[in-house]
C-alpha cells in the first residue's frame, strides 16, 4: 500500500512524497544539500486507498 510521507528538512522546508518510505528517503537524500543538509521523514499516513 502506498502512503504519504512528510519530509522535514533542517532549514524548515517541508515536502511530501507519495509511495514507499525508501522512495521518500531517496528523494530526501537527493535534495538535502539544497535544504540545510539533513532531514527527517514522518508519517506513513494512508492516502485513502482501500486495501
C-alpha atoms as a PDB file:
ATOM      1  CA  UNK A   1       0.000   0.000   0.000  1.00  0.00           C
ATOM      2  CA  UNK A   2       1.332   3.412  -0.892  1.00  0.00           C
ATOM      3  CA  UNK A   3       1.470   6.067   1.764  1.00  0.00           C
ATOM      4  CA  UNK A   4       2.145   9.772   2.057  1.00  0.00           C
ATOM      5  CA  UNK A   5       5.446  10.619   3.763  1.00  0.00           C
ATOM      6  CA  UNK A   6       6.363  14.057   5.104  1.00  0.00           C
ATOM      7  CA  UNK A   7       9.986  15.146   4.671  1.00  0.00           C
ATOM      8  CA  UNK A   8      11.140  17.893   7.046  1.00  0.00           C
ATOM      9  CA  UNK A   9      14.446  19.469   6.113  1.00  0.00           C
ATOM     10  CA  UNK A  10      16.676  21.234   8.640  1.00  0.00           C
ATOM     11  CA  UNK A  11      16.072  24.699   7.134  1.00  0.00           C
ATOM     12  CA  UNK A  12      12.332  24.405   7.827  1.00  0.00           C
ATOM     13  CA  UNK A  13      11.278  23.334   4.339  1.00  0.00           C
ATOM     14  CA  UNK A  14       8.585  20.666   4.302  1.00  0.00           C
ATOM     15  CA  UNK A  15       7.899  18.322   1.411  1.00  0.00           C
ATOM     16  CA  UNK A  16       5.837  15.234   0.814  1.00  0.00           C
ATOM     17  CA  UNK A  17       6.303  12.023  -1.092  1.00  0.00           C
ATOM     18  CA  UNK A  18       3.661   9.564  -2.213  1.00  0.00           C
ATOM     19  CA  UNK A  19       4.949   5.989  -2.256  1.00  0.00           C
ATOM     20  CA  UNK A  20       7.264   3.967  -0.064  1.00  0.00           C
ATOM     21  CA  UNK A  21       9.441   5.131   2.830  1.00  0.00           C
ATOM     22  CA  UNK A  22      12.569   4.117   0.931  1.00  0.00           C
ATOM     23  CA  UNK A  23      11.416   6.199  -2.035  1.00  0.00           C
ATOM     24  CA  UNK A  24      10.923   9.208   0.245  1.00  0.00           C
ATOM     25  CA  UNK A  25      14.419   8.678   1.663  1.00  0.00           C
ATOM     26  CA  UNK A  26      15.912   8.606  -1.836  1.00  0.00           C
ATOM     27  CA  UNK A  27      14.269  11.900  -2.731  1.00  0.00           C
ATOM     28  CA  UNK A  28      15.336  13.470   0.564  1.00  0.00           C
ATOM     29  CA  UNK A  29      18.935  12.352   0.033  1.00  0.00           C
ATOM     30  CA  UNK A  30      18.983  13.977  -3.404  1.00  0.00           C
ATOM     31  CA  UNK A  31      17.648  17.290  -2.070  1.00  0.00           C
ATOM     32  CA  UNK A  32      19.116  17.560   1.437  1.00  0.00           C
ATOM     33  CA  UNK A  33      22.065  19.769   0.438  1.00  0.00           C
ATOM     34  CA  UNK A  34      19.660  22.299  -1.066  1.00  0.00           C
ATOM     35  CA  UNK A  35      17.603  22.481   2.134  1.00  0.00           C
ATOM     36  CA  UNK A  36      20.000  22.572   5.065  1.00  0.00           C
ATOM     37  CA  UNK A  37      21.916  19.292   4.945  1.00  0.00           C
ATOM     38  CA  UNK A  38      19.683  16.963   6.957  1.00  0.00           C
ATOM     39  CA  UNK A  39      16.096  15.765   7.146  1.00  0.00           C
ATOM     40  CA  UNK A  40      13.592  13.611   8.995  1.00  0.00           C
ATOM     41  CA  UNK A  41      10.824  11.519   7.484  1.00  0.00           C
ATOM     42  CA  UNK A  42       7.484  11.365   9.237  1.00  0.00           C
ATOM     43  CA  UNK A  43       4.091   9.979   8.532  1.00  0.00           C
ATOM     44  CA  UNK A  44       3.115   6.992   6.574  1.00  0.00           C
ATOM     45  CA  UNK A  45      -0.474   8.143   6.535  1.00  0.00           C
ATOM     46  CA  UNK A  46      -2.808   6.143   4.340  1.00  0.00           C
ATOM     47  CA  UNK A  47      -3.667   8.095   1.231  1.00  0.00           C
ATOM     48  CA  UNK A  48      -7.280   6.959   1.335  1.00  0.00           C
ATOM     49  CA  UNK A  49      -6.912   3.863  -0.826  1.00  0.00           C
ATOM     50  CA  UNK A  50      -8.663   0.789   0.402  1.00  0.00           C
ATOM     51  CA  UNK A  51      -6.553  -2.322   0.716  1.00  0.00           C
END
